Amino acid sequence: MEVRDVYKSFSVQGKPLMVLQGINLQLYSREFVCLVGTSGCGKSTLLNIVAGLVAPSAGQVLVDGEVVLGPGSDRGMVFQGYTLYPWLTVSENIAFGLQLRKMPKAEQQERVAYYLDVVGLTQFAKAYPKQLSGGMKQRVAIARALANEPEVLLMDEPFGALDAQTKEQMQQFLLDLWGRTHVTVLMITHDVEEAIFLSQRVYVMSSRPGKLKLEVPIALPEQRDLEIKLSSEFVDIKRDIIHALRDEG
């Protein structure tokens, strides 16, 4: 996926407000990349442009060389809110996109069963969202996005609403899931530790207007556990990113 020279401005009280300026980034196949930045720097706006939910004022986004003109099954989206349909079971929520694509019933059932197993929720297939914890709901949302087998999985602070312990559990879950599926991921977060732990590269965004200020390669082993957050290598990377963000503040 490639973001080419993207600009975005909004009209505020009749005057243009530049939110994103000259954004260029590339996301390679099977890569996990995070965007971090201060509140209001335009992270979510950029992700919504990549998702095709918002049109750029200038520039373009390409997935496999095709220009993004709107939402598509080549991009899956996971939001901070779980966005599950409360009247559908876990299985029915995961199958929702497959039904819209009119996939044969047998194939739907096979794919739903596979992703239920991948996210560890097979025994909750017939449960409703109100019967699930926050972390389990987000697993269902991730399974629903993956069931469409997108080229890129887009994640907008997916663990922001979770308590600290559940959040760390979900970080380890997501890293293990990525290791199994190797789906390409672009995720935004305000949590620097989360970005370093999960990704292979981190982009730091400046604000007013939003620009990519720094690209940080994460030279940590691909197989990681939570203990790596205590390592000197991890702390050094965290220090560099925090200093870049502090300069923004």
Protein backbone atom coordinates (compact mmCIF):
# COMPACT_ATOMS: atom_id res chain seq x y z
CA MET A 1 0.00 0.00 0.00
CA GLU A 2 1.24 3.48 -0.80
CA VAL A 3 0.16 6.94 0.35
CA ARG A 4 1.34 9.53 -2.19
CA ASP A 5 1.62 13.20 -1.26
CA VAL A 6 -1.74 13.29 0.56
CA TYR A 7 -3.17 16.59 1.75
CA LYS A 8 -6.43 17.13 3.59
CA SER A 9 -8.12 20.37 4.57
CA PHE A 10 -11.52 21.10 6.08
CA SER A 11 -13.56 24.27 5.98
CA VAL A 12 -13.94 25.83 9.44
CA GLN A 13 -16.15 28.92 9.64
CA GLY A 14 -15.59 29.48 5.95
CA LYS A 15 -11.81 29.25 6.17
CA PRO A 16 -9.65 26.28 5.09
CA LEU A 17 -7.93 24.36 7.89
CA MET A 18 -5.04 22.16 6.73
CA VAL A 19 -5.11 18.88 8.69
CA LEU A 20 -2.66 16.74 6.68
CA GLN A 21 0.21 18.03 4.58
CA GLY A 22 2.36 16.05 2.15
CA ILE A 23 1.94 12.58 3.66
CA ASN A 24 4.04 9.91 1.94
CA LEU A 25 4.40 6.37 3.25
CA GLN A 26 4.68 2.82 2.00
CA LEU A 27 3.46 -0.36 3.62
CA TYR A 28 4.97 -3.59 2.35
CA SER A 29 3.35 -7.02 2.20
CA ARG A 30 3.25 -8.87 5.56
CA GLU A 31 4.46 -5.77 7.43
CA PHE A 32 3.12 -4.34 10.70
CA VAL A 33 3.44 -0.53 10.89
CA CYS A 34 2.19 1.86 13.58
CA LEU A 35 1.50 5.60 13.48
CA VAL A 36 1.88 7.58 16.71
CA GLY A 37 1.25 11.23 17.36
CA THR A 38 -0.24 13.76 19.72
CA SER A 39 -4.01 14.18 19.94
CA GLY A 40 -5.40 16.10 16.97
CA CYS A 41 -2.41 15.49 14.69
CA GLY A 42 -4.59 13.85 12.02
CA LYS A 43 -3.88 10.15 12.60
CA SER A 44 -7.52 9.07 12.36
CA THR A 45 -8.12 11.34 9.37
CA LEU A 46 -5.23 9.69 7.55
CA LEU A 47 -6.50 6.21 8.40
CA ASN A 48 -10.00 7.14 7.20
CA ILE A 49 -8.51 8.34 3.91
CA VAL A 50 -6.66 5.04 3.51
CA ALA A 51 -9.90 3.20 4.30
CA GLY A 52 -11.72 5.17 1.60
CA LEU A 53 -14.13 6.71 4.13
CA VAL A 54 -12.79 10.23 3.54
CA ALA A 55 -11.47 11.65 0.25
CA PRO A 56 -8.10 13.45 0.27
CA SER A 57 -7.99 17.08 -0.84
CA ALA A 58 -4.93 16.19 -2.92
CA GLY A 59 -2.77 13.11 -3.48
CA GLN A 60 -3.85 9.49 -3.59
CA VAL A 61 -3.72 6.12 -1.86
CA LEU A 62 -2.93 2.95 -3.80
CA VAL A 63 -3.38 -0.69 -2.81
CA ASP A 64 -1.59 -3.14 -5.12
CA GLY A 65 -1.23 -0.31 -7.62
CA GLU A 66 -4.98 0.47 -7.69
CA VAL A 67 -6.14 3.94 -6.61
CA VAL A 68 -8.45 3.92 -3.59
CA LEU A 69 -11.73 5.64 -4.51
CA GLY A 70 -13.86 4.40 -1.60
CA PRO A 71 -14.23 1.54 0.91
CA GLY A 72 -13.35 -1.92 -0.40
CA SER A 73 -12.87 -5.50 0.70
CA ASP A 74 -9.11 -5.14 0.12
CA ARG A 75 -9.00 -3.07 3.34
CA GLY A 76 -10.40 -4.30 6.65
CA MET A 77 -11.11 -1.80 9.44
CA VAL A 78 -11.10 -2.27 13.22
CA PHE A 79 -12.18 0.69 15.35
CA GLN A 80 -11.67 1.51 19.04
CA GLY A 81 -15.39 0.89 19.58
CA TYR A 82 -16.26 -2.71 18.86
CA THR A 83 -18.93 -1.85 16.24
CA LEU A 84 -20.56 -5.28 16.60
CA TYR A 85 -24.23 -5.83 15.81
CA PRO A 86 -25.82 -6.64 19.19
CA TRP A 87 -28.68 -8.66 17.63
CA LEU A 88 -26.25 -11.02 15.84
CA THR A 89 -24.28 -13.86 17.40
CA VAL A 90 -20.50 -13.95 17.29
CA SER A 91 -20.59 -16.22 14.22
CA GLU A 92 -23.16 -14.03 12.50
CA ASN A 93 -21.09 -10.89 13.16
CA ILE A 94 -18.01 -12.52 11.63
CA ALA A 95 -20.03 -13.69 8.62
CA PHE A 96 -21.64 -10.29 7.99
CA GLY A 97 -19.23 -9.13 5.28
CA LEU A 98 -19.23 -12.55 3.65
CA GLN A 99 -23.02 -12.40 3.34
CA LEU A 100 -22.81 -8.98 1.69
CA ARG A 101 -20.45 -10.52 -0.87
CA LYS A 102 -22.97 -13.34 -1.40
CA MET A 103 -20.40 -16.01 -0.62
CA PRO A 104 -21.87 -19.55 -0.74
CA LYS A 105 -23.21 -20.64 2.65
CA ALA A 106 -20.89 -23.61 3.03
CA GLU A 107 -17.84 -21.47 2.31
CA GLN A 108 -19.06 -18.85 4.79
CA GLN A 109 -19.39 -21.46 7.54
CA GLU A 110 -15.95 -22.86 6.82
CA ARG A 111 -14.30 -19.45 6.90
CA VAL A 112 -16.13 -18.34 10.05
CA ALA A 113 -15.13 -21.56 11.83
CA TYR A 114 -11.51 -20.98 10.82
CA TYR A 115 -11.36 -17.43 12.14
CA LEU A 116 -13.25 -18.34 15.32
CA ASP A 117 -10.43 -20.79 15.95
CA VAL A 118 -7.75 -18.24 15.02
CA VAL A 119 -9.04 -15.73 17.63
CA GLY A 120 -9.81 -18.43 20.20
CA LEU A 121 -13.58 -17.94 20.38
CA THR A 122 -14.94 -21.20 18.95
CA GLN A 123 -16.85 -21.97 22.15
CA PHE A 124 -18.53 -18.54 21.99
CA ALA A 125 -19.79 -18.92 18.40
CA LYS A 126 -23.46 -18.68 19.46
CA ALA A 127 -22.99 -16.01 22.13
CA TYR A 128 -24.18 -12.42 21.70
CA PRO A 129 -21.91 -9.37 22.14
CA LYS A 130 -23.51 -8.41 25.48
CA GLN A 131 -22.26 -11.74 26.89
CA LEU A 132 -18.61 -10.98 26.02
CA SER A 133 -15.86 -9.02 27.75
CA GLY A 134 -14.30 -5.99 26.05
CA GLY A 135 -11.26 -7.96 24.90
CA MET A 136 -13.45 -10.73 23.47
CA LYS A 137 -15.60 -8.21 21.60
CA GLN A 138 -12.50 -6.76 19.99
CA ARG A 139 -11.38 -10.26 18.99
CA VAL A 140 -14.70 -10.70 17.21
CA ALA A 141 -14.22 -7.35 15.43
CA ILE A 142 -10.74 -8.44 14.33
CA ALA A 143 -12.04 -11.84 13.16
CA ARG A 144 -14.80 -10.11 11.17
CA ALA A 145 -12.24 -7.91 9.43
CA LEU A 146 -9.91 -10.85 8.72
CA ALA A 147 -12.71 -13.08 7.41
CA ASN A 148 -12.86 -10.93 4.27
CA GLU A 149 -9.13 -11.66 3.81
CA PRO A 150 -8.17 -8.03 3.12
CA GLU A 151 -4.85 -6.96 1.64
CA VAL A 152 -4.41 -4.51 4.53
CA LEU A 153 -5.88 -4.50 8.04
CA LEU A 154 -6.42 -0.93 9.32
CA MET A 155 -6.71 -0.46 13.09
CA ASP A 156 -7.76 2.76 14.83
CA GLU A 157 -6.59 2.55 18.47
CA PRO A 158 -8.27 -0.85 18.82
CA PHE A 159 -7.30 -1.34 22.48
CA GLY A 160 -7.82 2.22 23.67
CA ALA A 161 -10.98 1.38 25.62
CA LEU A 162 -9.51 -1.60 27.49
CA ASP A 163 -8.01 -1.71 30.99
CA ALA A 164 -4.21 -1.97 31.24
CA GLN A 165 -4.03 -5.72 31.90
CA THR A 166 -6.50 -6.65 29.13
CA LYS A 167 -4.73 -4.24 26.80
CA GLU A 168 -1.40 -6.05 27.27
CA GLN A 169 -3.09 -9.41 26.77
CA MET A 170 -4.62 -8.12 23.52
CA GLN A 171 -1.26 -6.77 22.35
CA GLN A 172 0.28 -10.22 22.77
CA PHE A 173 -2.77 -11.78 21.11
CA LEU A 174 -2.51 -9.43 18.11
CA LEU A 175 1.22 -10.04 17.71
CA ASP A 176 0.67 -13.81 17.80
CA LEU A 177 -2.24 -13.46 15.36
CA TRP A 178 -0.09 -11.44 12.97
CA GLY A 179 2.58 -14.14 13.24
CA ARG A 180 0.01 -16.77 12.19
CA THR A 181 -1.73 -14.85 9.41
CA HIS A 182 0.96 -12.33 8.34
CA VAL A 183 -1.76 -9.95 7.24
CA THR A 184 -0.38 -6.49 6.43
CA VAL A 185 -1.32 -4.08 9.25
CA LEU A 186 -1.43 -0.29 9.57
CA MET A 187 -2.40 0.73 13.10
CA ILE A 188 -2.67 4.10 14.83
CA THR A 189 -2.16 4.45 18.55
CA HIS A 190 -1.20 7.08 21.10
CA ASP A 191 0.54 4.39 23.19
CA VAL A 192 4.28 4.46 22.36
CA GLU A 193 5.02 1.14 24.11
CA GLU A 194 2.21 -0.54 22.17
CA ALA A 195 3.54 0.79 18.86
CA ILE A 196 7.08 -0.44 19.54
CA PHE A 197 5.96 -3.83 20.84
CA LEU A 198 3.74 -4.59 17.84
CA SER A 199 5.40 -3.11 14.82
CA GLN A 200 8.36 -3.37 12.53
CA ARG A 201 8.33 0.36 11.78
CA VAL A 202 6.86 3.33 13.63
CA TYR A 203 5.97 6.65 12.02
CA VAL A 204 5.84 9.69 14.31
CA MET A 205 3.40 12.39 13.19
CA SER A 206 3.74 16.08 13.90
CA SER A 207 0.64 18.25 14.15
CA ARG A 208 -0.86 21.50 12.87
CA PRO A 209 -0.82 20.39 10.08
CA GLY A 210 -0.13 16.66 10.33
CA LYS A 211 3.14 15.56 8.73
CA LEU A 212 5.31 12.46 9.05
CA LYS A 213 8.15 13.71 11.22
CA LEU A 214 10.16 10.57 11.90
CA GLU A 215 10.35 6.96 10.70
CA VAL A 216 11.74 4.55 13.29
CA PRO A 217 12.74 0.99 12.31
CA ILE A 218 12.09 -1.42 15.20
CA ALA A 219 15.16 -3.65 15.38
CA LEU A 220 13.67 -6.19 17.78
CA PRO A 221 13.15 -9.95 17.25
CA GLU A 222 9.97 -10.82 15.34
CA GLN A 223 9.01 -13.23 18.14
CA ARG A 224 8.33 -11.01 21.17
CA ASP A 225 6.78 -11.36 24.60
CA LEU A 226 5.82 -8.66 27.08
CA GLU A 227 9.15 -8.95 28.93
CA ILE A 228 10.86 -7.29 25.95
CA LYS A 229 9.36 -3.99 27.10
CA LEU A 230 11.92 -4.03 29.94
CA SER A 231 14.94 -4.50 27.65
CA SER A 232 17.48 -1.71 27.10
CA GLU A 233 16.89 -1.84 23.31
CA PHE A 234 13.16 -1.28 23.81
CA VAL A 235 13.73 1.58 26.28
CA ASP A 236 16.16 3.29 23.89
CA ILE A 237 13.61 3.21 21.06
CA LYS A 238 10.89 4.47 23.41
CA ARG A 239 13.13 7.36 24.51
CA ASP A 240 13.74 8.48 20.91
CA ILE A 241 10.02 8.44 20.05
CA ILE A 242 8.98 10.20 23.28
CA HIS A 243 11.56 12.94 22.67
CA ALA A 244 10.15 13.46 19.16
CA LEU A 245 6.62 13.66 20.57
CA ARG A 246 7.70 15.94 23.43
CA ASP A 247 9.19 18.36 20.91
CA GLU A 248 5.74 18.51 19.35
CA GLY A 249 4.07 19.20 22.66
